[in-house]
Amino acid sequence: MPRPPPPSSAASRRKSSRRPSPPTTPRPRLLATKEDTPYGRYTRAETAYAEAKVKCEAGQEAFYQRAAADEKMLDKYGALTDKMVAAQTKGDMKLQAIYQDSAMAMVDPSCIVKKPDQPADYYQAQRDIDVRAERLEIKASGFSPHEMAVVKERTLSLLGAAPPLGDASAGEKSAVAGKSAELKPLLGIKEKPAAVVQKPEPEPASAPADPQMSAAASSMNDCMVKNMQKSQTRLEALGQR
């Protein structure tokens, strides 16, 4: 039975020049973030903190609006900040932290999520995970270490995490773009949490001006203004994270 003719040199060149698709085998780094280890717990806590920070910042403006319209809320917030300052003056940092958390919880519960402490062996754990990842990736892909390095470099560039490429084909761009959601966590690319947009609370309909407004109502309005001015500095100071 006659053998099929060998591929033409042009076909061989096209085959050899084709860019390999990036591997999508789960990396140990991704799995390590889910493990009950100092590295895994820290990584999850860091992600939770970043998300809470965005939510807290978004909730501050709404809190200012609520506090400006609610004298009791403003007084409660002011009392907590006064106790916080008093505890700090006495050097009682534990009590000071309790009052600060209570005040920030009024702004939004997300505002009391603390930034986690990085484990002492964090970077060594990262290096160990990367070494295991590279071994598994090379074994699963069939690439040589050099080929794997080139694939990663090109993939990172096409994902926007490295300088852009000048020779990327449309097919290569399409292949990477189609797997971007899967590739980014595998390659250690962290997305910034999406900003939380909170709808401002509707302002009450303004009533027609009453020339016979009672002295008591006028006094209450003056009191609210004074309280707001008194607490504005505390609101801004505690609102910064």
Protein backbone atom coordinates (compact mmCIF):
# COMPACT_ATOMS: atom_id res chain seq x y z
CA MET A 1 0.00 0.00 0.00
CA PRO A 2 1.61 3.28 -1.04
CA ARG A 3 2.51 5.73 1.71
CA PRO A 4 0.93 9.19 1.66
CA PRO A 5 3.23 11.89 0.36
CA PRO A 6 5.16 13.86 3.01
CA PRO A 7 3.78 17.29 3.86
CA SER A 8 5.05 20.14 1.80
CA SER A 9 7.74 22.38 3.24
CA ALA A 10 5.24 25.27 3.36
CA ALA A 11 2.79 23.19 5.43
CA SER A 12 5.60 22.16 7.75
CA ARG A 13 6.61 25.76 8.27
CA ARG A 14 3.02 26.75 9.04
CA LYS A 15 2.74 23.93 11.59
CA SER A 16 6.03 24.76 13.31
CA SER A 17 5.32 28.50 13.45
CA ARG A 18 1.86 28.12 14.98
CA ARG A 19 1.71 29.63 18.46
CA PRO A 20 0.81 27.05 21.11
CA SER A 21 -2.24 27.79 23.20
CA PRO A 22 -1.54 28.56 26.86
CA PRO A 23 -2.14 25.64 29.23
CA THR A 24 -5.13 25.82 31.53
CA THR A 25 -4.11 23.20 34.09
CA PRO A 26 -4.98 24.57 37.59
CA ARG A 27 -1.89 26.01 39.24
CA PRO A 28 -0.91 25.12 42.79
CA ARG A 29 -1.15 28.84 43.62
CA LEU A 30 -4.89 28.78 42.89
CA LEU A 31 -5.40 25.62 44.91
CA ALA A 32 -3.21 26.93 47.74
CA THR A 33 -5.53 29.89 48.29
CA LYS A 34 -8.28 27.44 49.28
CA GLU A 35 -6.18 25.40 51.71
CA ASP A 36 -6.31 25.77 55.49
CA THR A 37 -2.73 27.05 55.74
CA PRO A 38 -1.26 30.42 56.80
CA TYR A 39 -0.82 31.27 53.10
CA GLY A 40 -4.35 30.21 52.15
CA ARG A 41 -6.03 31.95 55.10
CA TYR A 42 -4.07 35.15 54.48
CA THR A 43 -4.90 35.18 50.76
CA ARG A 44 -8.63 34.75 51.40
CA ALA A 45 -8.59 37.40 54.14
CA GLU A 46 -6.72 39.82 51.88
CA THR A 47 -9.34 39.39 49.16
CA ALA A 48 -12.17 39.91 51.66
CA TYR A 49 -10.47 43.06 53.00
CA ALA A 50 -10.06 44.55 49.52
CA GLU A 51 -13.73 43.98 48.75
CA ALA A 52 -14.83 45.37 52.12
CA LYS A 53 -12.68 48.48 51.67
CA VAL A 54 -14.40 49.34 48.40
CA LYS A 55 -17.82 48.82 49.97
CA CYS A 56 -16.91 50.91 53.03
CA GLU A 57 -15.72 53.82 50.91
CA ALA A 58 -18.93 53.69 48.90
CA GLY A 59 -21.04 53.70 52.06
CA GLN A 60 -19.45 56.76 53.64
CA GLU A 61 -21.29 59.34 51.56
CA ALA A 62 -24.64 57.70 52.28
CA PHE A 63 -23.81 57.69 55.99
CA TYR A 64 -23.03 61.41 55.98
CA GLN A 65 -26.41 62.05 54.41
CA ARG A 66 -28.21 59.92 56.99
CA ALA A 67 -26.31 61.48 59.89
CA ALA A 68 -27.04 65.00 58.67
CA ALA A 69 -30.77 64.24 58.73
CA ASP A 70 -30.84 62.22 61.97
CA GLU A 71 -29.76 64.08 65.10
CA LYS A 72 -29.99 60.98 67.29
CA MET A 73 -27.72 59.03 64.95
CA LEU A 74 -25.25 61.90 64.87
CA ASP A 75 -25.28 62.16 68.67
CA LYS A 76 -24.70 58.41 69.02
CA TYR A 77 -21.82 58.56 66.57
CA GLY A 78 -20.37 61.56 68.35
CA ALA A 79 -20.63 59.84 71.75
CA LEU A 80 -18.74 56.81 70.42
CA THR A 81 -15.97 58.93 68.95
CA ASP A 82 -15.69 60.93 72.20
CA LYS A 83 -15.29 57.67 74.15
CA MET A 84 -12.76 56.47 71.61
CA VAL A 85 -10.66 59.62 72.05
CA ALA A 86 -10.94 59.41 75.84
CA ALA A 87 -9.74 55.78 75.82
CA GLN A 88 -6.87 56.68 73.52
CA THR A 89 -5.89 59.55 75.82
CA LYS A 90 -5.75 57.12 78.76
CA GLY A 91 -3.61 54.73 76.74
CA ASP A 92 -6.28 52.00 76.67
CA MET A 93 -5.80 50.88 73.08
CA LYS A 94 -8.06 47.83 73.45
CA LEU A 95 -11.02 49.94 74.56
CA GLN A 96 -10.18 52.56 71.96
CA ALA A 97 -10.36 49.91 69.22
CA ILE A 98 -13.74 48.71 70.51
CA TYR A 99 -15.25 52.20 70.34
CA GLN A 100 -13.68 52.84 66.93
CA ASP A 101 -15.16 49.63 65.52
CA SER A 102 -18.55 50.52 66.99
CA ALA A 103 -18.43 53.94 65.32
CA MET A 104 -17.26 52.54 61.99
CA ALA A 105 -19.95 49.84 62.07
CA MET A 106 -22.50 52.67 62.03
CA VAL A 107 -21.02 53.82 58.73
CA ASP A 108 -21.19 50.30 57.24
CA PRO A 109 -20.44 46.81 58.64
CA SER A 110 -17.77 46.40 55.96
CA CYS A 111 -15.78 49.22 57.59
CA ILE A 112 -14.72 47.02 60.51
CA VAL A 113 -13.06 44.37 58.32
CA LYS A 114 -9.36 44.51 59.23
CA LYS A 115 -6.38 44.23 56.91
CA PRO A 116 -4.83 40.83 57.64
CA ASP A 117 -1.27 40.41 58.88
CA GLN A 118 1.01 38.81 56.34
CA PRO A 119 2.54 35.51 57.53
CA ALA A 120 6.28 35.58 58.17
CA ASP A 121 6.88 32.82 55.59
CA TYR A 122 4.54 34.27 52.96
CA TYR A 123 7.16 34.90 50.26
CA GLN A 124 8.87 31.55 50.80
CA ALA A 125 5.48 29.84 50.51
CA GLN A 126 4.89 31.76 47.28
CA ARG A 127 8.21 30.62 45.84
CA ASP A 128 7.53 26.99 46.78
CA ILE A 129 4.10 27.17 45.13
CA ASP A 130 5.56 28.66 41.94
CA VAL A 131 8.17 25.90 41.71
CA ARG A 132 5.49 23.21 42.01
CA ALA A 133 3.32 25.08 39.52
CA GLU A 134 6.02 25.22 36.88
CA ARG A 135 6.77 21.50 37.20
CA LEU A 136 3.11 20.58 36.82
CA GLU A 137 2.57 22.98 33.92
CA ILE A 138 5.56 21.64 32.00
CA LYS A 139 4.49 18.05 32.62
CA ALA A 140 0.86 18.68 31.59
CA SER A 141 1.63 20.80 28.52
CA GLY A 142 4.52 18.86 27.03
CA PHE A 143 6.41 22.12 26.52
CA SER A 144 10.07 22.55 27.37
CA PRO A 145 10.92 25.02 30.18
CA HIS A 146 11.93 27.58 27.55
CA GLU A 147 8.73 27.13 25.54
CA MET A 148 6.63 27.42 28.69
CA ALA A 149 8.38 30.66 29.63
CA VAL A 150 7.64 32.09 26.16
CA VAL A 151 3.99 31.02 26.32
CA LYS A 152 3.58 32.65 29.74
CA GLU A 153 5.28 35.85 28.62
CA ARG A 154 3.04 36.17 25.58
CA THR A 155 -0.09 35.29 27.53
CA LEU A 156 0.66 37.87 30.24
CA SER A 157 1.24 40.48 27.55
CA LEU A 158 -2.04 39.71 25.80
CA LEU A 159 -3.86 39.90 29.15
CA GLY A 160 -2.43 43.38 29.74
CA ALA A 161 -0.09 42.38 32.58
CA ALA A 162 3.10 42.89 30.55
CA PRO A 163 4.29 45.16 27.70
CA PRO A 164 2.21 44.66 24.53
CA LEU A 165 3.35 42.35 21.72
CA GLY A 166 3.95 43.55 18.20
CA ASP A 167 3.67 40.20 16.45
CA ALA A 168 0.55 38.65 18.04
CA SER A 169 -1.82 37.18 15.48
CA ALA A 170 -5.58 37.64 15.52
CA GLY A 171 -6.02 33.96 16.35
CA GLU A 172 -3.62 34.18 19.28
CA LYS A 173 -5.38 37.25 20.67
CA SER A 174 -8.75 35.57 20.28
CA ALA A 175 -7.59 32.37 22.00
CA VAL A 176 -6.24 34.25 25.01
CA ALA A 177 -9.21 36.62 25.22
CA GLY A 178 -11.62 33.70 25.23
CA LYS A 179 -9.86 32.16 28.23
CA SER A 180 -9.00 35.39 30.08
CA ALA A 181 -11.32 34.71 33.03
CA GLU A 182 -9.67 31.33 33.53
CA LEU A 183 -6.10 32.38 32.77
CA LYS A 184 -5.85 35.44 35.01
CA PRO A 185 -6.16 33.61 38.36
CA LEU A 186 -3.94 30.81 37.07
CA LEU A 187 -1.21 33.32 36.22
CA GLY A 188 -1.58 35.21 39.50
CA ILE A 189 -3.25 38.29 37.99
CA LYS A 190 -5.48 39.89 40.61
CA GLU A 191 -8.48 41.89 39.52
CA LYS A 192 -9.40 45.01 41.45
CA PRO A 193 -12.76 44.70 43.18
CA ALA A 194 -15.51 46.46 41.28
CA ALA A 195 -16.57 49.72 42.86
CA VAL A 196 -19.84 49.50 44.72
CA VAL A 197 -22.23 52.21 43.64
CA GLN A 198 -24.82 52.96 46.26
CA LYS A 199 -27.92 54.90 45.39
CA PRO A 200 -28.14 58.09 47.43
CA GLU A 201 -31.06 58.15 49.77
CA PRO A 202 -33.94 60.19 48.39
CA GLU A 203 -34.13 63.66 49.78
CA PRO A 204 -37.41 64.53 51.47
CA ALA A 205 -39.67 66.83 49.50
CA SER A 206 -39.14 70.38 50.63
CA ALA A 207 -42.19 71.91 52.25
CA PRO A 208 -43.29 75.46 51.37
CA ALA A 209 -41.61 78.09 53.47
CA ASP A 210 -43.64 78.91 56.56
CA PRO A 211 -43.22 82.51 57.74
CA GLN A 212 -44.74 81.51 61.07
CA MET A 213 -42.17 78.76 61.78
CA SER A 214 -42.07 78.19 65.53
CA ALA A 215 -39.09 79.17 67.61
CA ALA A 216 -38.76 75.55 68.74
CA ALA A 217 -38.35 74.30 65.17
CA SER A 218 -35.81 77.01 64.44
CA SER A 219 -33.88 76.09 67.57
CA MET A 220 -33.85 72.39 66.59
CA ASN A 221 -32.49 73.28 63.16
CA ASP A 222 -29.72 75.36 64.70
CA CYS A 223 -28.87 72.49 67.02
CA MET A 224 -28.58 70.05 64.12
CA VAL A 225 -26.27 72.41 62.26
CA LYS A 226 -24.04 72.85 65.30
CA ASN A 227 -23.90 69.11 65.91
CA MET A 228 -23.03 68.45 62.30
CA GLN A 229 -20.25 71.04 62.34
CA LYS A 230 -18.92 69.66 65.62
CA SER A 231 -18.78 66.09 64.32
CA GLN A 232 -17.68 66.72 60.73
CA THR A 233 -13.98 66.43 61.58
CA ARG A 234 -14.57 63.15 63.39
CA LEU A 235 -16.65 61.82 60.51
CA GLU A 236 -13.93 62.57 57.97
CA ALA A 237 -11.09 61.27 60.18
CA LEU A 238 -12.76 57.93 60.90
CA GLY A 239 -14.04 57.66 57.36
CA GLN A 240 -10.47 57.50 55.99
CA ARG A 241 -9.12 53.94 55.81
